PDB file of all heavy atoms in Angstrom:
ATOM      1  N   CYS A   1      94.426 106.525  82.400  1.00  0.00           N
ATOM      2  CA  CYS A   1      95.848 106.244  82.453  1.00  0.00           C
ATOM      3  C   CYS A   1      96.368 106.576  83.840  1.00  0.00           C
ATOM      4  O   CYS A   1      95.776 107.370  84.575  1.00  0.00           O
ATOM      5  CB  CYS A   1      96.629 107.005  81.379  1.00  0.00           C
ATOM      6  SG  CYS A   1      96.690 108.797  81.577  1.00  0.00           S
ATOM      7  N   ALA A   2      97.459 105.950  84.202  1.00  0.00           N
ATOM      8  CA  ALA A   2      98.046 106.120  85.519  1.00  0.00           C
ATOM      9  C   ALA A   2      99.548 105.922  85.426  1.00  0.00           C
ATOM     10  O   ALA A   2     100.057 105.397  84.433  1.00  0.00           O
ATOM     11  CB  ALA A   2      97.438 105.122  86.510  1.00  0.00           C
ATOM     12  N   ALA A   3     100.268 106.334  86.464  1.00  0.00           N
ATOM     13  CA  ALA A   3     101.721 106.225  86.477  1.00  0.00           C
ATOM     14  C   ALA A   3     102.218 105.876  87.864  1.00  0.00           C
ATOM     15  O   ALA A   3     101.665 106.329  88.865  1.00  0.00           O
ATOM     16  CB  ALA A   3     102.367 107.523  86.004  1.00  0.00           C
ATOM     17  N   THR A   4     103.284 105.070  87.906  1.00  0.00           N
ATOM     18  CA  THR A   4     103.945 104.678  89.139  1.00  0.00           C
ATOM     19  C   THR A   4     105.423 104.473  88.851  1.00  0.00           C
ATOM     20  O   THR A   4     105.800 104.215  87.709  1.00  0.00           O
ATOM     21  CB  THR A   4     103.343 103.380  89.711  1.00  0.00           C
ATOM     22  OG1 THR A   4     104.068 102.983  90.877  1.00  0.00           O
ATOM     23  CG2 THR A   4     103.405 102.249  88.694  1.00  0.00           C
ATOM     24  N   ASN A   5     106.256 104.569  89.880  1.00  0.00           N
ATOM     25  CA  ASN A   5     107.665 104.270  89.702  1.00  0.00           C
ATOM     26  C   ASN A   5     107.991 102.796  89.945  1.00  0.00           C
ATOM     27  O   ASN A   5     109.155 102.411  89.875  1.00  0.00           O
ATOM     28  CB  ASN A   5     108.540 105.155  90.592  1.00  0.00           C
ATOM     29  CG  ASN A   5     108.285 104.961  92.071  1.00  0.00           C
ATOM     30  OD1 ASN A   5     107.434 104.181  92.469  1.00  0.00           O
ATOM     31  ND2 ASN A   5     109.038 105.692  92.890  1.00  0.00           N
ATOM     32  N   ARG A   6     106.988 101.976  90.179  1.00  0.00           N
ATOM     33  CA  ARG A   6     107.196 100.544  90.398  1.00  0.00           C
ATOM     34  C   ARG A   6     107.462  99.818  89.077  1.00  0.00           C
ATOM     35  O   ARG A   6     107.176 100.339  87.993  1.00  0.00           O
ATOM     36  CB  ARG A   6     106.000  99.929  91.114  1.00  0.00           C
ATOM     37  CG  ARG A   6     105.684 100.579  92.452  1.00  0.00           C
ATOM     38  CD  ARG A   6     106.779 100.309  93.482  1.00  0.00           C
ATOM     39  NE  ARG A   6     106.931  98.897  93.771  1.00  0.00           N
ATOM     40  CZ  ARG A   6     106.195  98.209  94.644  1.00  0.00           C
ATOM     41  NH1 ARG A   6     105.237  98.824  95.337  1.00  0.00           N
ATOM     42  NH2 ARG A   6     106.426  96.920  94.840  1.00  0.00           N
ATOM     43  N   LEU A   7     107.976  98.582  89.177  1.00  0.00           N
ATOM     44  CA  LEU A   7     108.388  97.824  88.005  1.00  0.00           C
ATOM     45  C   LEU A   7     107.808  96.412  87.927  1.00  0.00           C
ATOM     46  O   LEU A   7     107.699  95.861  86.832  1.00  0.00           O
ATOM     47  CB  LEU A   7     109.913  97.703  87.963  1.00  0.00           C
ATOM     48  CG  LEU A   7     110.692  98.994  87.749  1.00  0.00           C
ATOM     49  CD1 LEU A   7     112.168  98.759  87.993  1.00  0.00           C
ATOM     50  CD2 LEU A   7     110.461  99.515  86.341  1.00  0.00           C
ATOM     51  N   SER A   8     107.466  95.817  89.035  1.00  0.00           N
ATOM     52  CA  SER A   8     107.018  94.429  89.045  1.00  0.00           C
ATOM     53  C   SER A   8     105.656  94.286  88.390  1.00  0.00           C
ATOM     54  O   SER A   8     104.719  95.026  88.698  1.00  0.00           O
ATOM     55  CB  SER A   8     106.960  93.910  90.482  1.00  0.00           C
ATOM     56  OG  SER A   8     106.322  92.651  90.545  1.00  0.00           O
ATOM     57  N   PHE A   9     105.519  93.304  87.504  1.00  0.00           N
ATOM     58  CA  PHE A   9     104.237  93.049  86.859  1.00  0.00           C
ATOM     59  C   PHE A   9     103.138  92.758  87.865  1.00  0.00           C
ATOM     60  O   PHE A   9     101.981  93.123  87.653  1.00  0.00           O
ATOM     61  CB  PHE A   9     104.353  91.877  85.882  1.00  0.00           C
ATOM     62  CG  PHE A   9     104.936  92.232  84.555  1.00  0.00           C
ATOM     63  CD1 PHE A   9     105.334  93.518  84.255  1.00  0.00           C
ATOM     64  CD2 PHE A   9     105.084  91.254  83.582  1.00  0.00           C
ATOM     65  CE1 PHE A   9     105.872  93.843  83.019  1.00  0.00           C
ATOM     66  CE2 PHE A   9     105.623  91.561  82.343  1.00  0.00           C
ATOM     67  CZ  PHE A   9     106.016  92.848  82.060  1.00  0.00           C
ATOM     68  N   SER A  10     103.489  92.104  88.969  1.00  0.00           N
ATOM     69  CA  SER A  10     102.476  91.747  89.942  1.00  0.00           C
ATOM     70  C   SER A  10     101.828  92.978  90.559  1.00  0.00           C
ATOM     71  O   SER A  10     100.617  92.989  90.817  1.00  0.00           O
ATOM     72  CB  SER A  10     103.063  90.839  91.027  1.00  0.00           C
ATOM     73  OG  SER A  10     104.067  91.509  91.766  1.00  0.00           O
ATOM     74  N   VAL A  11     102.603  94.031  90.809  1.00  0.00           N
ATOM     75  CA  VAL A  11     102.039  95.234  91.396  1.00  0.00           C
ATOM     76  C   VAL A  11     101.510  96.197  90.345  1.00  0.00           C
ATOM     77  O   VAL A  11     100.601  96.990  90.639  1.00  0.00           O
ATOM     78  CB  VAL A  11     103.052  95.944  92.321  1.00  0.00           C
ATOM     79  CG1 VAL A  11     103.466  95.019  93.457  1.00  0.00           C
ATOM     80  CG2 VAL A  11     104.278  96.414  91.556  1.00  0.00           C
ATOM     81  N   LEU A  12     102.029  96.146  89.124  1.00  0.00           N
ATOM     82  CA  LEU A  12     101.538  97.022  88.067  1.00  0.00           C
ATOM     83  C   LEU A  12     100.105  96.689  87.661  1.00  0.00           C
ATOM     84  O   LEU A  12      99.443  97.514  87.021  1.00  0.00           O
ATOM     85  CB  LEU A  12     102.445  96.955  86.844  1.00  0.00           C
ATOM     86  CG  LEU A  12     103.836  97.571  86.996  1.00  0.00           C
ATOM     87  CD1 LEU A  12     104.639  97.401  85.716  1.00  0.00           C
ATOM     88  CD2 LEU A  12     103.752  99.037  87.376  1.00  0.00           C
ATOM     89  N   GLN A  13      99.627  95.519  88.015  1.00  0.00           N
ATOM     90  CA  GLN A  13      98.260  95.130  87.704  1.00  0.00           C
ATOM     91  C   GLN A  13      97.260  95.529  88.791  1.00  0.00           C
ATOM     92  O   GLN A  13      96.067  95.227  88.669  1.00  0.00           O
ATOM     93  CB  GLN A  13      98.188  93.623  87.459  1.00  0.00           C
ATOM     94  CG  GLN A  13      98.995  93.185  86.245  1.00  0.00           C
ATOM     95  CD  GLN A  13      99.035  91.691  86.075  1.00  0.00           C
ATOM     96  OE1 GLN A  13      98.033  91.054  85.728  1.00  0.00           O
ATOM     97  NE2 GLN A  13     100.207  91.109  86.318  1.00  0.00           N
ATOM     98  N   ARG A  14      97.714  96.221  89.819  1.00  0.00           N
ATOM     99  CA  ARG A  14      96.844  96.650  90.911  1.00  0.00           C
ATOM    100  C   ARG A  14      96.709  98.173  90.891  1.00  0.00           C
ATOM    101  O   ARG A  14      97.704  98.896  90.878  1.00  0.00           O
ATOM    102  CB  ARG A  14      97.397  96.196  92.270  1.00  0.00           C
ATOM    103  CG  ARG A  14      97.531  94.682  92.385  1.00  0.00           C
ATOM    104  CD  ARG A  14      97.623  94.251  93.836  1.00  0.00           C
ATOM    105  NE  ARG A  14      98.819  94.723  94.492  1.00  0.00           N
ATOM    106  CZ  ARG A  14      99.940  94.030  94.601  1.00  0.00           C
ATOM    107  NH1 ARG A  14     100.024  92.809  94.075  1.00  0.00           N
ATOM    108  NH2 ARG A  14     100.982  94.540  95.240  1.00  0.00           N
ATOM    109  N   SER A  15      95.490  98.655  90.941  1.00  0.00           N
ATOM    110  CA  SER A  15      95.253 100.090  90.845  1.00  0.00           C
ATOM    111  C   SER A  15      95.876 100.860  92.006  1.00  0.00           C
ATOM    112  O   SER A  15      96.300 102.005  91.839  1.00  0.00           O
ATOM    113  CB  SER A  15      93.753 100.383  90.769  1.00  0.00           C
ATOM    114  OG  SER A  15      93.081  99.941  91.935  1.00  0.00           O
ATOM    115  N   GLY A  16      95.955 100.235  93.192  1.00  0.00           N
ATOM    116  CA  GLY A  16      96.525 100.902  94.348  1.00  0.00           C
ATOM    117  C   GLY A  16      98.002 101.195  94.233  1.00  0.00           C
ATOM    118  O   GLY A  16      98.540 101.984  95.018  1.00  0.00           O
ATOM    119  N   THR A  17      98.677 100.596  93.273  1.00  0.00           N
ATOM    120  CA  THR A  17     100.096 100.832  93.050  1.00  0.00           C
ATOM    121  C   THR A  17     100.373 102.222  92.498  1.00  0.00           C
ATOM    122  O   THR A  17     101.443 102.788  92.734  1.00  0.00           O
ATOM    123  CB  THR A  17     100.648  99.773  92.087  1.00  0.00           C
ATOM    124  OG1 THR A  17     100.506  98.478  92.673  1.00  0.00           O
ATOM    125  CG2 THR A  17     102.109 100.021  91.744  1.00  0.00           C
ATOM    126  N   TYR A  18      99.431 102.792  91.781  1.00  0.00           N
ATOM    127  CA  TYR A  18      99.675 103.993  91.003  1.00  0.00           C
ATOM    128  C   TYR A  18      99.481 105.255  91.826  1.00  0.00           C
ATOM    129  O   TYR A  18      98.526 105.361  92.615  1.00  0.00           O
ATOM    130  CB  TYR A  18      98.776 104.001  89.766  1.00  0.00           C
ATOM    131  CG  TYR A  18      99.167 102.903  88.812  1.00  0.00           C
ATOM    132  CD1 TYR A  18      98.704 101.601  88.992  1.00  0.00           C
ATOM    133  CD2 TYR A  18     100.037 103.160  87.762  1.00  0.00           C
ATOM    134  CE1 TYR A  18      99.098 100.584  88.140  1.00  0.00           C
ATOM    135  CE2 TYR A  18     100.428 102.146  86.910  1.00  0.00           C
ATOM    136  CZ  TYR A  18      99.952 100.855  87.104  1.00  0.00           C
ATOM    137  OH  TYR A  18     100.349  99.854  86.256  1.00  0.00           O
ATOM    138  N   THR A  19     100.376 106.204  91.638  1.00  0.00           N
ATOM    139  CA  THR A  19     100.386 107.436  92.410  1.00  0.00           C
ATOM    140  C   THR A  19      99.825 108.633  91.657  1.00  0.00           C
ATOM    141  O   THR A  19      99.546 109.660  92.273  1.00  0.00           O
ATOM    142  CB  THR A  19     101.816 107.766  92.866  1.00  0.00           C
ATOM    143  OG1 THR A  19     102.695 107.800  91.735  1.00  0.00           O
ATOM    144  CG2 THR A  19     102.316 106.698  93.838  1.00  0.00           C
ATOM    145  N   SER A  20      99.674 108.529  90.344  1.00  0.00           N
ATOM    146  CA  SER A  20      99.127 109.606  89.533  1.00  0.00           C
ATOM    147  C   SER A  20      98.101 109.034  88.573  1.00  0.00           C
ATOM    148  O   SER A  20      98.298 107.946  88.025  1.00  0.00           O
ATOM    149  CB  SER A  20     100.226 110.325  88.741  1.00  0.00           C
ATOM    150  OG  SER A  20     101.185 110.916  89.609  1.00  0.00           O
ATOM    151  N   TRP A  21      97.026 109.783  88.343  1.00  0.00           N
ATOM    152  CA  TRP A  21      95.930 109.332  87.486  1.00  0.00           C
ATOM    153  C   TRP A  21      95.473 110.441  86.559  1.00  0.00           C
ATOM    154  O   TRP A  21      95.462 111.620  86.935  1.00  0.00           O
ATOM    155  CB  TRP A  21      94.730 108.883  88.322  1.00  0.00           C
ATOM    156  CG  TRP A  21      94.973 107.617  89.068  1.00  0.00           C
ATOM    157  CD1 TRP A  21      95.574 107.472  90.280  1.00  0.00           C
ATOM    158  CD2 TRP A  21      94.618 106.298  88.638  1.00  0.00           C
ATOM    159  NE1 TRP A  21      95.620 106.153  90.636  1.00  0.00           N
ATOM    160  CE2 TRP A  21      95.039 105.405  89.647  1.00  0.00           C
ATOM    161  CE3 TRP A  21      93.985 105.793  87.504  1.00  0.00           C
ATOM    162  CZ2 TRP A  21      94.847 104.032  89.548  1.00  0.00           C
ATOM    163  CZ3 TRP A  21      93.797 104.424  87.402  1.00  0.00           C
ATOM    164  CH2 TRP A  21      94.224 103.563  88.420  1.00  0.00           C
ATOM    165  N   GLY A  22      95.099 110.055  85.345  1.00  0.00           N
ATOM    166  CA  GLY A  22      94.464 110.982  84.435  1.00  0.00           C
ATOM    167  C   GLY A  22      92.995 111.158  84.756  1.00  0.00           C
ATOM    168  O   GLY A  22      92.439 110.516  85.653  1.00  0.00           O
ATOM    169  N   GLN A  23      92.341 112.041  83.998  1.00  0.00           N
ATOM    170  CA  GLN A  23      90.953 112.397  84.276  1.00  0.00           C
ATOM    171  C   GLN A  23      89.954 111.398  83.714  1.00  0.00           C
ATOM    172  O   GLN A  23      88.776 111.447  84.079  1.00  0.00           O
ATOM    173  CB  GLN A  23      90.650 113.793  83.716  1.00  0.00           C
ATOM    174  CG  GLN A  23      90.322 113.853  82.225  1.00  0.00           C
ATOM    175  CD  GLN A  23      91.524 113.753  81.306  1.00  0.00           C
ATOM    176  OE1 GLN A  23      92.661 113.559  81.734  1.00  0.00           O
ATOM    177  NE2 GLN A  23      91.275 113.890  80.004  1.00  0.00           N
ATOM    178  N   GLY A  24      90.389 110.503  82.850  1.00  0.00           N
ATOM    179  CA  GLY A  24      89.515 109.534  82.224  1.00  0.00           C
ATOM    180  C   GLY A  24      89.006 110.008  80.871  1.00  0.00           C
ATOM    181  O   GLY A  24      88.798 111.200  80.647  1.00  0.00           O
TER     182      GLY A  24
END
């Protein structure tokens, strides 16, 4: 799981958009 403050679907589908990540 990951989290970002972005909203656009186009960027939400890219892993580089996310600023926080879970451990898996």
